[in-house]
Amino acid sequence: MATVQPAKLKHHKGLWVLFGTEMWERFGYYLMVGIFLLYLKDPISNGGAGFNLKMATDLVGSYIAMAYLTPFIGGLIADRYLGYRKAIILGGALLAAGYFVLAIPGKTPMYIALLLLVTGNGFFKPNISTLLGNIYNKEELKARKDNAYNIFYMGINIGAFVCNFVAAYMRNHYGWGYAFMAAGVGMSIALIWFIFGYKTVAEGDVKKPVQKEDMPMKKILGYVFLPAAIAGAIGWNMQAMIGHTIFGTTSNDAFMFACVPIIIFYVGLFIKASREDKRGLGALFSFFLVSIVFWVIYNQNSTGLTIWADQYTNREMPAGLEKVTKPFGFLEPVTTQPHEVIKYDEYFRSSQGPDGSLAKTQGPDTYFNNLPQKDWPKDGHLNLLSTEIFQSINPFFIVLFTPILVWLFGRLARKKKEPSTPNKVGMGIWFAGISSLVMYIAISTTDVFHNKTEAYWIVATYAIFTIGELLVSPIGLSLVSKLSPPRITALMMGAWFIVNAIAGKLAGLMATFWDSFTHKENYFLILVIAAAVAGLIMFVLSKRISAVLREKTGSS
């Protein structure tokens, strides 16, 4: 029988269906996440929610956490009942509805929208990745699986790059609601694109029969969801019971407590697994644990680094660039003319009035609080690069660096010197730590309460982090597909997203203490130390994980 030459293999048409769907879905997600913190802490008079920084970062962390916790449920339902395509359509419809509801002013619509978004993400996120993995599990396509995931990941970052420019234009010209509405339009395009390609991806939509060692759905409801709800309720009331919170806020306590039964469930999966499955699951769980640190640093893009770009970075546009960018709506006008603004102390900490709302005062825009008066504009007006544009730096570098890294590792592979997958992950975590080290240096060399830092510091941070991301994130999706027992692949994708959920909540938790760090460099020093330790652990475990990968896939 003639053999197929791998070099001549073409990618499955379903890849382009999933590529386009994920690109537009991520357009909506990153647009919303890119401006959510800015919206929450913007005064009500400007159309924002008027939250203080602690409340705003807590809610952002909670949203990210819940958006990545619900894939546990969505993956399970898709595995057992719905199938992957129906789950993706249901999730996409909920996501689109959530973004449109978020465009409605007021706190009640906002919380309804967040509920729709986290539920929709639970059905959408794990199942589109699983569908891609199932298609490329065919023997003739296995050799192109990693490459397919890299292309898929490129789609994510095209959406993530473009969305921030749209967000800046919409919110600067029309207001916050129109920016959130743009996310809903993006999600609607994703849904339509997927429906048109519905039949193309059908062969990856295979429900696996329940095995005798699998826990029945009734037991999962009784042993996981119910205990998680009870634990979450206990966490929510912890302050009332002991007089203080354990993790800083009631939502942090509720989330951390609710995670415990879910983690126990996955530990039970490992304990009850067959010997063959146990090796793959053990390697996966080891990878999950060390990668939490990586994702905490990643989620600084919507917490710590957003605060940094907004308050501490010189965002003034050079005159030449200002003329080019102004028609596109990327510029945010600020003025030194006294008007009602949020009252901050010398350390950028806001205070509350008697009614619990943010205290106000008469003065220039907040941007000028740590800009020396000698640098203030003579006419009293500046046009700044919108804060959310900085979040396009990371996806830009991903698109730029991906072909370079693919070429580099291809060359190393031909010389049989390519690092193993676990070693790539260890290096990726260390690169993430180095990116935080750049921020540590930037703050250590500047009096940030009286002077701005230059934008090249945050650009360098994102550039270095991007190298780490390319070594960790696409590999994570591929590892789940390679090492999971086939019947619970989507459920293990859910576990991968639980790692993101915990990390997102930890990132939000860290940011709630932002005002407590009068020495801001220590905020990033914590991340540097955590990444150094996590990367070292990964290198120690690399031989064991590589051995399991060779058993399962023939390569490490």
Protein backbone atom coordinates (compact mmCIF):
# COMPACT_ATOMS: atom_id res chain seq x y z
CA MET A 1 0.00 0.00 0.00
CA ALA A 2 1.35 3.42 -0.92
CA THR A 3 2.32 5.67 1.98
CA VAL A 4 1.25 9.29 2.30
CA GLN A 5 4.08 11.78 2.26
CA PRO A 6 3.61 14.02 5.34
CA ALA A 7 5.16 17.01 3.55
CA LYS A 8 2.36 16.92 0.96
CA LEU A 9 -0.47 16.70 3.49
CA LYS A 10 -2.86 19.63 3.52
CA HIS A 11 -4.62 20.92 6.59
CA HIS A 12 -8.21 19.87 7.18
CA LYS A 13 -10.78 22.40 5.96
CA GLY A 14 -12.27 22.38 9.45
CA LEU A 15 -9.16 24.16 10.73
CA TRP A 16 -10.15 27.32 8.84
CA VAL A 17 -13.71 27.13 10.17
CA LEU A 18 -12.40 26.90 13.73
CA PHE A 19 -9.68 29.49 13.04
CA GLY A 20 -12.23 32.10 11.94
CA THR A 21 -14.66 31.25 14.74
CA GLU A 22 -12.01 31.54 17.44
CA MET A 23 -10.54 34.70 15.92
CA TRP A 24 -13.85 36.58 16.13
CA GLU A 25 -14.74 35.12 19.53
CA ARG A 26 -11.38 36.26 20.91
CA PHE A 27 -11.97 39.66 19.27
CA GLY A 28 -15.01 40.04 21.52
CA TYR A 29 -13.38 38.61 24.65
CA TYR A 30 -10.20 40.67 24.52
CA LEU A 31 -12.07 43.83 23.54
CA MET A 32 -14.23 43.49 26.64
CA VAL A 33 -11.38 42.47 28.98
CA GLY A 34 -9.14 45.22 27.59
CA ILE A 35 -11.50 48.01 28.65
CA PHE A 36 -13.45 46.43 31.54
CA LEU A 37 -11.16 47.66 34.34
CA LEU A 38 -10.98 51.12 32.74
CA TYR A 39 -14.79 51.20 32.52
CA LEU A 40 -15.28 50.07 36.11
CA LYS A 41 -13.02 52.74 37.60
CA ASP A 42 -14.17 55.54 35.29
CA PRO A 43 -16.47 58.03 37.10
CA ILE A 44 -20.20 57.72 36.55
CA SER A 45 -20.15 61.27 35.16
CA ASN A 46 -17.96 59.95 32.31
CA GLY A 47 -20.26 56.99 31.65
CA GLY A 48 -18.24 54.51 33.73
CA ALA A 49 -19.27 52.40 36.72
CA GLY A 50 -17.52 54.58 39.34
CA PHE A 51 -15.86 51.74 41.31
CA ASN A 52 -12.79 52.26 43.45
CA LEU A 53 -9.66 50.38 42.36
CA LYS A 54 -10.06 47.53 44.86
CA MET A 55 -13.67 46.87 43.84
CA ALA A 56 -12.80 47.16 40.13
CA THR A 57 -9.83 44.77 40.21
CA ASP A 58 -11.80 42.32 42.37
CA LEU A 59 -14.62 42.21 39.83
CA VAL A 60 -12.23 41.87 36.88
CA GLY A 61 -10.44 39.00 38.62
CA SER A 62 -13.78 37.36 39.45
CA TYR A 63 -14.95 37.66 35.85
CA ILE A 64 -11.77 36.14 34.41
CA ALA A 65 -11.88 33.38 37.02
CA MET A 66 -15.51 32.46 36.37
CA ALA A 67 -15.06 32.69 32.60
CA TYR A 68 -12.40 29.98 32.87
CA LEU A 69 -14.05 27.96 35.64
CA THR A 70 -17.29 27.25 33.77
CA PRO A 71 -15.51 25.28 30.99
CA PHE A 72 -15.35 22.48 33.57
CA ILE A 73 -19.14 22.26 33.36
CA GLY A 74 -19.42 23.00 29.64
CA GLY A 75 -16.79 20.41 28.76
CA LEU A 76 -18.53 17.75 30.83
CA ILE A 77 -21.97 18.43 29.32
CA ALA A 78 -20.50 18.39 25.80
CA ASP A 79 -18.65 15.13 26.48
CA ARG A 80 -21.71 13.35 27.84
CA TYR A 81 -24.78 14.92 26.24
CA LEU A 82 -24.69 17.90 23.85
CA GLY A 83 -21.76 17.15 21.61
CA TYR A 84 -19.18 19.77 20.75
CA ARG A 85 -20.82 21.61 17.88
CA LYS A 86 -24.11 22.23 19.70
CA ALA A 87 -22.21 23.34 22.79
CA ILE A 88 -20.22 25.84 20.71
CA ILE A 89 -23.37 27.32 19.17
CA LEU A 90 -25.10 27.58 22.55
CA GLY A 91 -22.03 29.19 24.09
CA GLY A 92 -21.61 31.61 21.19
CA ALA A 93 -25.23 32.75 21.40
CA LEU A 94 -24.92 33.40 25.15
CA LEU A 95 -21.66 35.30 24.64
CA ALA A 96 -23.15 37.55 21.94
CA ALA A 97 -26.18 38.26 24.14
CA GLY A 98 -23.90 39.04 27.09
CA TYR A 99 -21.88 41.67 25.21
CA PHE A 100 -25.01 43.40 23.94
CA VAL A 101 -26.54 43.47 27.45
CA LEU A 102 -23.27 44.87 28.81
CA ALA A 103 -23.78 47.86 26.51
CA ILE A 104 -26.85 48.83 28.57
CA PRO A 105 -25.93 51.35 31.32
CA GLY A 106 -26.41 50.36 34.97
CA LYS A 107 -25.12 47.81 37.44
CA THR A 108 -28.04 45.36 37.10
CA PRO A 109 -27.59 44.89 33.32
CA MET A 110 -23.84 44.60 33.92
CA TYR A 111 -24.20 41.69 36.36
CA ILE A 112 -26.76 39.96 34.09
CA ALA A 113 -24.32 40.37 31.19
CA LEU A 114 -21.44 38.89 33.21
CA LEU A 115 -23.59 35.86 34.07
CA LEU A 116 -24.39 35.33 30.37
CA LEU A 117 -20.70 35.74 29.44
CA VAL A 118 -19.27 33.29 31.96
CA THR A 119 -21.94 30.70 31.10
CA GLY A 120 -21.38 31.15 27.37
CA ASN A 121 -17.63 30.87 27.72
CA GLY A 122 -18.12 27.61 29.62
CA PHE A 123 -19.86 26.02 26.66
CA PHE A 124 -17.70 27.62 23.97
CA LYS A 125 -14.10 27.63 25.13
CA PRO A 126 -13.20 23.98 25.91
CA ASN A 127 -15.20 22.48 23.10
CA ILE A 128 -13.78 24.39 20.14
CA SER A 129 -10.25 23.34 21.21
CA THR A 130 -11.43 19.74 21.67
CA LEU A 131 -13.12 19.72 18.26
CA LEU A 132 -9.84 20.75 16.63
CA GLY A 133 -7.93 18.06 18.55
CA ASN A 134 -10.42 15.36 17.53
CA ILE A 135 -10.13 16.25 13.85
CA TYR A 136 -6.33 16.05 14.02
CA ASN A 137 -6.39 12.74 15.90
CA LYS A 138 -6.89 11.03 12.55
CA GLU A 139 -3.76 9.03 11.77
CA GLU A 140 -2.97 10.89 8.57
CA LEU A 141 -3.23 14.30 10.31
CA LYS A 142 -1.42 13.60 13.59
CA ALA A 143 1.89 14.80 12.19
CA ARG A 144 0.35 18.25 11.59
CA LYS A 145 -1.43 18.55 14.93
CA ASP A 146 1.04 20.89 16.65
CA ASN A 147 1.19 23.03 13.52
CA ALA A 148 -2.62 23.17 13.43
CA TYR A 149 -2.72 24.40 17.01
CA ASN A 150 -0.12 27.07 16.17
CA ILE A 151 -2.29 28.30 13.28
CA PHE A 152 -5.33 28.20 15.56
CA TYR A 153 -3.41 30.23 18.14
CA MET A 154 -2.49 32.76 15.46
CA GLY A 155 -6.22 33.32 14.87
CA ILE A 156 -6.67 34.06 18.57
CA ASN A 157 -4.03 36.74 18.42
CA ILE A 158 -5.22 38.39 15.23
CA GLY A 159 -8.54 38.94 16.98
CA ALA A 160 -6.80 40.11 20.15
CA PHE A 161 -4.66 42.60 18.20
CA VAL A 162 -7.42 44.25 16.16
CA CYS A 163 -10.03 44.51 18.92
CA ASN A 164 -8.28 47.15 21.03
CA PHE A 165 -8.17 49.64 18.17
CA VAL A 166 -11.89 49.15 17.63
CA ALA A 167 -12.50 49.53 21.38
CA ALA A 168 -10.51 52.78 21.52
CA TYR A 169 -12.36 54.23 18.53
CA MET A 170 -15.81 53.30 19.82
CA ARG A 171 -15.35 54.46 23.41
CA ASN A 172 -13.54 57.71 22.47
CA HIS A 173 -16.11 58.66 19.81
CA TYR A 174 -19.36 57.19 21.12
CA GLY A 175 -18.92 55.88 24.68
CA TRP A 176 -18.40 52.68 26.65
CA GLY A 177 -21.69 51.06 25.59
CA TYR A 178 -20.83 51.17 21.90
CA ALA A 179 -17.43 49.60 22.59
CA PHE A 180 -19.09 46.66 24.36
CA MET A 181 -21.61 46.43 21.52
CA ALA A 182 -18.70 46.02 19.08
CA ALA A 183 -17.67 42.92 21.05
CA GLY A 184 -21.20 41.56 20.53
CA VAL A 185 -20.93 42.17 16.78
CA GLY A 186 -17.62 40.27 16.71
CA MET A 187 -19.13 37.34 18.56
CA SER A 188 -22.12 37.30 16.19
CA ILE A 189 -19.75 37.06 13.21
CA ALA A 190 -18.00 34.13 14.91
CA LEU A 191 -21.32 32.35 15.41
CA ILE A 192 -22.43 32.86 11.80
CA TRP A 193 -19.03 31.69 10.50
CA PHE A 194 -19.24 28.50 12.57
CA ILE A 195 -22.81 27.73 11.50
CA PHE A 196 -21.78 28.01 7.82
CA GLY A 197 -18.95 25.53 8.48
CA TYR A 198 -21.06 23.27 10.72
CA LYS A 199 -20.85 20.21 8.47
CA THR A 200 -17.15 20.71 7.73
CA VAL A 201 -16.18 19.98 11.35
CA ALA A 202 -18.72 17.18 11.88
CA GLU A 203 -16.13 14.37 11.98
CA GLY A 204 -14.58 15.86 15.12
CA ASP A 205 -17.92 15.90 16.93
CA VAL A 206 -17.85 12.43 18.45
CA LYS A 207 -19.33 11.79 21.89
CA LYS A 208 -17.42 9.16 23.85
CA PRO A 209 -19.40 6.44 25.63
CA VAL A 210 -19.29 6.51 29.43
CA GLN A 211 -16.86 3.94 30.81
CA LYS A 212 -17.32 1.95 34.02
CA GLU A 213 -14.62 3.99 35.77
CA ASP A 214 -16.34 7.31 34.84
CA MET A 215 -18.40 9.01 37.54
CA PRO A 216 -22.13 9.19 36.62
CA MET A 217 -23.59 12.67 36.13
CA LYS A 218 -25.77 12.36 39.23
CA LYS A 219 -22.71 11.68 41.35
CA ILE A 220 -20.86 14.60 39.80
CA LEU A 221 -23.79 16.86 40.69
CA GLY A 222 -23.83 15.46 44.21
CA TYR A 223 -20.09 15.14 44.78
CA VAL A 224 -18.79 18.20 42.90
CA PHE A 225 -21.33 20.91 42.03
CA LEU A 226 -23.33 20.79 45.26
CA PRO A 227 -20.22 20.78 47.49
CA ALA A 228 -18.72 23.57 45.35
CA ALA A 229 -21.88 25.67 45.83
CA ILE A 230 -21.88 25.00 49.58
CA ALA A 231 -18.17 25.75 49.87
CA GLY A 232 -18.63 28.94 47.87
CA ALA A 233 -21.46 30.03 50.15
CA ILE A 234 -19.29 29.37 53.20
CA GLY A 235 -16.48 31.42 51.67
CA TRP A 236 -18.90 34.25 50.86
CA ASN A 237 -19.98 34.39 54.51
CA MET A 238 -16.52 33.93 56.01
CA GLN A 239 -16.24 37.57 57.00
CA ALA A 240 -19.51 37.37 58.94
CA MET A 241 -18.37 34.19 60.69
CA ILE A 242 -14.82 35.11 61.70
CA GLY A 243 -14.84 38.89 61.40
CA HIS A 244 -12.55 39.20 58.38
CA THR A 245 -11.96 37.74 54.93
CA ILE A 246 -9.19 35.24 54.27
CA PHE A 247 -8.27 36.28 50.72
CA GLY A 248 -9.00 40.00 50.87
CA THR A 249 -12.61 40.15 49.60
CA THR A 250 -15.78 38.07 49.95
CA SER A 251 -15.70 37.10 46.26
CA ASN A 252 -12.10 35.89 46.58
CA ASP A 253 -13.06 33.73 49.57
CA ALA A 254 -16.12 32.35 47.76
CA PHE A 255 -14.16 31.44 44.65
CA MET A 256 -11.23 29.83 46.46
CA PHE A 257 -13.54 27.75 48.66
CA ALA A 258 -15.66 26.68 45.65
CA CYS A 259 -12.54 25.45 43.82
CA VAL A 260 -11.72 22.91 46.53
CA PRO A 261 -14.43 20.29 45.64
CA ILE A 262 -13.60 20.66 41.93
CA ILE A 263 -9.90 20.05 42.59
CA ILE A 264 -10.82 17.03 44.72
CA PHE A 265 -12.88 15.71 41.78
CA TYR A 266 -9.86 15.81 39.49
CA VAL A 267 -7.67 14.20 42.12
CA GLY A 268 -10.30 11.43 42.28
CA LEU A 269 -10.12 11.01 38.49
CA PHE A 270 -6.38 10.46 38.83
CA ILE A 271 -6.64 8.02 41.74
CA LYS A 272 -9.31 5.87 40.04
CA ALA A 273 -7.70 5.93 36.58
CA SER A 274 -6.19 2.83 35.03
CA ARG A 275 -2.42 2.46 35.16
CA GLU A 276 -2.13 3.49 31.51
CA ASP A 277 -4.32 6.61 31.94
CA LYS A 278 -2.68 7.53 35.25
CA ARG A 279 0.71 8.26 33.68
CA GLY A 280 -0.78 10.67 31.15
CA LEU A 281 -2.96 12.38 33.77
CA GLY A 282 -0.06 12.67 36.20
CA ALA A 283 2.08 14.39 33.57
CA LEU A 284 -0.80 16.74 32.74
CA PHE A 285 -1.50 17.68 36.35
CA SER A 286 2.20 18.38 36.96
CA PHE A 287 2.16 20.73 33.98
CA PHE A 288 -1.05 22.38 35.22
CA LEU A 289 0.36 23.13 38.67
CA VAL A 290 3.53 24.91 37.54
CA SER A 291 1.76 26.81 34.76
CA ILE A 292 -0.51 28.61 37.27
CA VAL A 293 2.34 31.06 37.90
CA PHE A 294 2.66 31.71 34.18
CA TRP A 295 -1.05 32.53 33.86
CA VAL A 296 -1.00 34.84 36.89
CA ILE A 297 1.66 36.86 35.06
CA TYR A 298 -0.33 36.62 31.82
CA ASN A 299 -3.46 38.03 33.49
CA GLN A 300 -1.57 41.12 34.60
CA ASN A 301 -2.47 42.42 31.14
CA SER A 302 -6.03 43.12 32.37
CA THR A 303 -5.07 44.05 35.96
CA GLY A 304 -1.61 45.29 37.02
CA LEU A 305 -0.30 46.23 33.58
CA THR A 306 -3.53 48.01 32.65
CA ILE A 307 -3.24 50.08 35.82
CA TRP A 308 0.40 50.75 34.95
CA ALA A 309 -0.31 51.82 31.38
CA ASP A 310 -3.19 54.05 32.51
CA GLN A 311 -1.62 55.88 35.47
CA TYR A 312 2.15 55.53 35.34
CA THR A 313 3.13 55.45 31.65
CA ASN A 314 3.88 58.42 29.43
CA ARG A 315 1.16 58.09 26.80
CA GLU A 316 1.66 61.45 25.07
CA MET A 317 1.74 61.06 21.31
CA PRO A 318 4.47 62.80 19.24
CA ALA A 319 3.01 65.56 17.10
CA GLY A 320 3.71 63.69 13.85
CA LEU A 321 2.00 60.51 14.98
CA GLU A 322 -0.86 62.45 16.54
CA LYS A 323 -1.95 63.73 13.13
CA VAL A 324 -1.93 60.20 11.73
CA THR A 325 -3.74 58.49 14.60
CA LYS A 326 -6.31 61.13 15.53
CA PRO A 327 -8.72 60.36 12.63
CA PHE A 328 -8.82 56.71 13.75
CA GLY A 329 -9.99 57.61 17.26
CA PHE A 330 -7.04 56.11 19.11
CA LEU A 331 -6.38 59.26 21.12
CA GLU A 332 -7.80 60.09 24.54
CA PRO A 333 -8.05 63.86 25.27
CA VAL A 334 -7.07 65.15 28.74
CA THR A 335 -6.94 68.66 30.14
CA THR A 336 -5.27 70.63 32.94
CA GLN A 337 -8.37 72.81 33.27
CA PRO A 338 -9.95 72.31 36.73
CA HIS A 339 -13.09 70.18 36.70
CA GLU A 340 -14.63 67.46 38.85
CA VAL A 341 -12.27 64.47 39.12
CA ILE A 342 -11.68 61.59 41.52
CA LYS A 343 -9.69 62.63 44.57
CA TYR A 344 -6.37 60.79 44.97
CA ASP A 345 -3.69 61.07 47.63
CA GLU A 346 0.05 61.28 46.93
CA TYR A 347 0.19 57.49 46.37
CA PHE A 348 -2.66 57.42 43.82
CA ARG A 349 -5.09 55.99 46.38
CA SER A 350 -8.71 57.09 46.03
CA SER A 351 -10.95 57.80 49.01
CA GLN A 352 -14.68 57.35 49.59
CA GLY A 353 -17.23 59.94 50.60
CA PRO A 354 -19.78 59.52 53.43
CA ASP A 355 -22.22 57.73 51.11
CA GLY A 356 -19.60 55.18 49.99
CA SER A 357 -19.08 56.75 46.57
CA LEU A 358 -15.69 57.92 45.35
CA ALA A 359 -14.67 61.28 46.77
CA LYS A 360 -14.42 64.06 44.17
CA THR A 361 -12.43 67.26 43.93
CA GLN A 362 -11.74 70.06 41.46
CA GLY A 363 -8.54 69.63 39.50
CA PRO A 364 -6.86 68.53 36.27
CA ASP A 365 -7.37 65.07 34.76
CA THR A 366 -5.79 62.26 36.79
CA TYR A 367 -3.09 61.74 34.18
CA PHE A 368 -1.38 64.95 35.37
CA ASN A 369 -1.10 63.80 39.01
CA ASN A 370 2.39 62.37 38.45
CA LEU A 371 3.44 64.49 35.49
CA PRO A 372 5.76 67.38 36.55
CA GLN A 373 4.13 70.75 35.93
CA LYS A 374 7.04 71.80 33.73
CA ASP A 375 5.84 69.14 31.27
CA TRP A 376 2.21 70.26 31.27
CA PRO A 377 1.00 71.59 27.89
CA LYS A 378 0.86 75.36 27.52
CA ASP A 379 -2.63 75.27 26.04
CA GLY A 380 -3.81 72.89 28.77
CA HIS A 381 -4.70 70.01 26.43
CA LEU A 382 -3.03 66.71 25.55
CA ASN A 383 -4.00 63.82 23.32
CA LEU A 384 -2.88 60.51 24.78
CA LEU A 385 -2.65 57.08 23.26
CA SER A 386 -5.69 55.21 24.65
CA THR A 387 -4.73 52.80 27.42
CA GLU A 388 -6.29 49.72 25.80
CA ILE A 389 -4.01 50.05 22.75
CA PHE A 390 -1.15 48.78 24.91
CA GLN A 391 -2.94 45.42 25.09
CA SER A 392 -2.39 44.99 21.35
CA ILE A 393 1.38 44.87 21.92
CA ASN A 394 1.31 41.25 23.08
CA PRO A 395 -0.67 39.82 20.12
CA PHE A 396 1.42 41.93 17.74
CA PHE A 397 4.60 40.28 19.02
CA ILE A 398 2.94 36.86 18.86
CA VAL A 399 2.24 37.31 15.16
CA LEU A 400 5.79 38.65 14.69
CA PHE A 401 7.65 36.06 16.76
CA THR A 402 5.71 32.90 15.84
CA PRO A 403 7.40 32.29 12.44
CA ILE A 404 10.79 33.09 13.98
CA LEU A 405 10.35 30.52 16.76
CA VAL A 406 8.94 27.94 14.34
CA TRP A 407 12.04 28.42 12.13
CA LEU A 408 14.40 28.28 15.11
CA PHE A 409 12.95 25.09 16.57
CA GLY A 410 12.77 23.54 13.11
CA ARG A 411 16.48 24.18 12.66
CA LEU A 412 17.26 22.80 16.12
CA ALA A 413 15.13 19.73 15.38
CA ARG A 414 17.11 19.01 12.20
CA LYS A 415 20.27 19.15 14.33
CA LYS A 416 18.54 16.99 17.00
CA LYS A 417 19.02 19.77 19.56
CA GLU A 418 15.40 20.93 19.94
CA PRO A 419 14.39 21.27 23.63
CA SER A 420 11.78 18.82 24.90
CA THR A 421 8.22 20.03 25.42
CA PRO A 422 8.59 20.25 29.25
CA ASN A 423 11.86 22.19 28.89
CA LYS A 424 10.13 24.63 26.54
CA VAL A 425 7.48 25.15 29.22
CA GLY A 426 10.14 25.74 31.89
CA MET A 427 11.86 28.30 29.65
CA GLY A 428 8.50 29.94 28.95
CA ILE A 429 7.79 30.41 32.65
CA TRP A 430 11.24 31.93 33.14
CA PHE A 431 10.69 34.34 30.25
CA ALA A 432 7.43 35.39 31.94
CA GLY A 433 9.42 36.03 35.11
CA ILE A 434 12.00 38.09 33.21
CA SER A 435 9.17 40.23 31.81
CA SER A 436 8.15 41.07 35.38
CA LEU A 437 11.80 41.76 36.18
CA VAL A 438 11.75 44.47 33.49
CA MET A 439 8.88 46.15 35.33
CA TYR A 440 10.79 45.83 38.61
CA ILE A 441 13.76 47.65 37.05
CA ALA A 442 11.52 50.34 35.50
CA ILE A 443 9.96 51.16 38.87
CA SER A 444 13.23 50.95 40.81
CA THR A 445 14.80 53.61 38.57
CA THR A 446 11.86 56.06 38.62
CA ASP A 447 9.95 57.96 41.29
CA VAL A 448 6.62 56.81 39.87
CA PHE A 449 4.48 58.99 42.14
CA HIS A 450 6.01 62.15 40.69
CA ASN A 451 7.17 61.07 37.21
CA LYS A 452 5.90 58.90 34.38
CA THR A 453 7.84 55.90 33.06
CA GLU A 454 8.50 55.75 29.34
CA ALA A 455 6.34 53.51 27.19
CA TYR A 456 9.30 51.39 26.03
CA TRP A 457 9.37 49.66 29.46
CA ILE A 458 5.91 48.19 29.05
CA VAL A 459 6.60 47.40 25.38
CA ALA A 460 9.75 45.48 26.43
CA THR A 461 7.76 43.67 29.14
CA TYR A 462 5.15 42.48 26.64
CA ALA A 463 7.82 41.52 24.08
CA ILE A 464 9.72 39.31 26.54
CA PHE A 465 6.53 37.82 27.93
CA THR A 466 5.36 36.95 24.41
CA ILE A 467 8.34 34.63 23.94
CA GLY A 468 7.28 32.82 27.11
CA GLU A 469 3.67 32.67 25.97
CA LEU A 470 4.63 31.04 22.67
CA LEU A 471 6.51 28.38 24.62
CA VAL A 472 3.64 27.62 27.03
CA SER A 473 0.16 28.41 25.75
CA PRO A 474 -0.10 26.54 22.39
CA ILE A 475 1.75 23.62 23.98
CA GLY A 476 -0.87 23.51 26.73
CA LEU A 477 -3.75 22.95 24.31
CA SER A 478 -1.77 20.31 22.44
CA LEU A 479 -0.67 18.48 25.61
CA VAL A 480 -4.25 18.14 26.82
CA SER A 481 -5.22 16.61 23.51
CA LYS A 482 -2.20 14.25 23.51
CA LEU A 483 -2.22 13.05 27.12
CA SER A 484 -5.92 12.96 28.06
CA PRO A 485 -7.87 9.68 27.96
CA PRO A 486 -10.02 10.10 24.81
CA ARG A 487 -13.38 9.82 26.58
CA ILE A 488 -12.67 12.80 28.89
CA THR A 489 -10.70 15.08 26.59
CA ALA A 490 -13.14 18.01 26.87
CA LEU A 491 -13.30 17.53 30.63
CA MET A 492 -9.50 17.80 30.79
CA MET A 493 -9.70 20.88 28.58
CA GLY A 494 -11.98 22.15 31.33
CA ALA A 495 -9.23 21.39 33.86
CA TRP A 496 -6.76 23.38 31.74
CA PHE A 497 -9.13 26.32 31.90
CA ILE A 498 -9.58 25.88 35.67
CA VAL A 499 -5.85 26.56 35.88
CA ASN A 500 -6.56 29.80 34.01
CA ALA A 501 -9.48 30.50 36.35
CA ILE A 502 -7.40 30.15 39.51
CA ALA A 503 -4.62 32.23 37.95
CA GLY A 504 -7.09 34.92 36.85
CA LYS A 505 -8.50 35.14 40.34
CA LEU A 506 -5.01 35.27 41.86
CA ALA A 507 -4.10 38.07 39.45
CA GLY A 508 -7.21 39.98 40.49
CA LEU A 509 -6.47 39.25 44.16
CA MET A 510 -2.95 40.65 43.77
CA ALA A 511 -4.29 43.78 42.10
CA THR A 512 -6.75 44.42 44.96
CA PHE A 513 -3.64 45.03 47.07
CA TRP A 514 -2.13 47.42 44.50
CA ASP A 515 -2.72 50.47 46.69
CA SER A 516 -1.01 48.70 49.61
CA PHE A 517 2.28 48.56 47.70
CA THR A 518 3.83 51.98 48.29
CA HIS A 519 6.94 50.40 46.76
CA LYS A 520 5.33 49.22 43.52
CA GLU A 521 8.43 47.30 42.44
CA ASN A 522 7.67 44.70 45.16
CA TYR A 523 4.40 43.85 43.38
CA PHE A 524 6.38 42.62 40.37
CA LEU A 525 9.19 41.13 42.49
CA ILE A 526 6.67 38.61 43.85
CA LEU A 527 5.98 37.50 40.27
CA VAL A 528 9.71 37.26 39.46
CA ILE A 529 10.38 34.96 42.43
CA ALA A 530 7.29 32.81 41.78
CA ALA A 531 8.28 32.31 38.12
CA ALA A 532 11.86 31.40 39.05
CA VAL A 533 10.62 28.67 41.42
CA ALA A 534 7.91 27.33 39.06
CA GLY A 535 10.32 27.17 36.11
CA LEU A 536 12.86 25.29 38.20
CA ILE A 537 10.22 22.73 39.25
CA MET A 538 9.31 22.19 35.60
CA PHE A 539 12.92 21.51 34.67
CA VAL A 540 13.16 18.97 37.51
CA LEU A 541 10.03 17.18 36.25
CA SER A 542 10.98 17.40 32.57
CA LYS A 543 12.54 13.92 32.19
CA ARG A 544 9.52 12.19 33.70
CA ILE A 545 7.00 14.13 31.60
CA SER A 546 9.08 13.62 28.44
CA ALA A 547 9.07 9.87 29.03
CA VAL A 548 5.26 9.83 29.21
CA LEU A 549 5.01 11.91 26.04
CA ARG A 550 7.26 9.46 24.20
CA GLU A 551 5.03 6.58 25.33
CA LYS A 552 1.86 8.34 24.18
CA THR A 553 3.00 10.10 21.03
CA GLY A 554 6.47 8.85 20.08
CA SER A 555 8.04 12.28 20.67
CA SER A 556 8.90 14.44 23.68
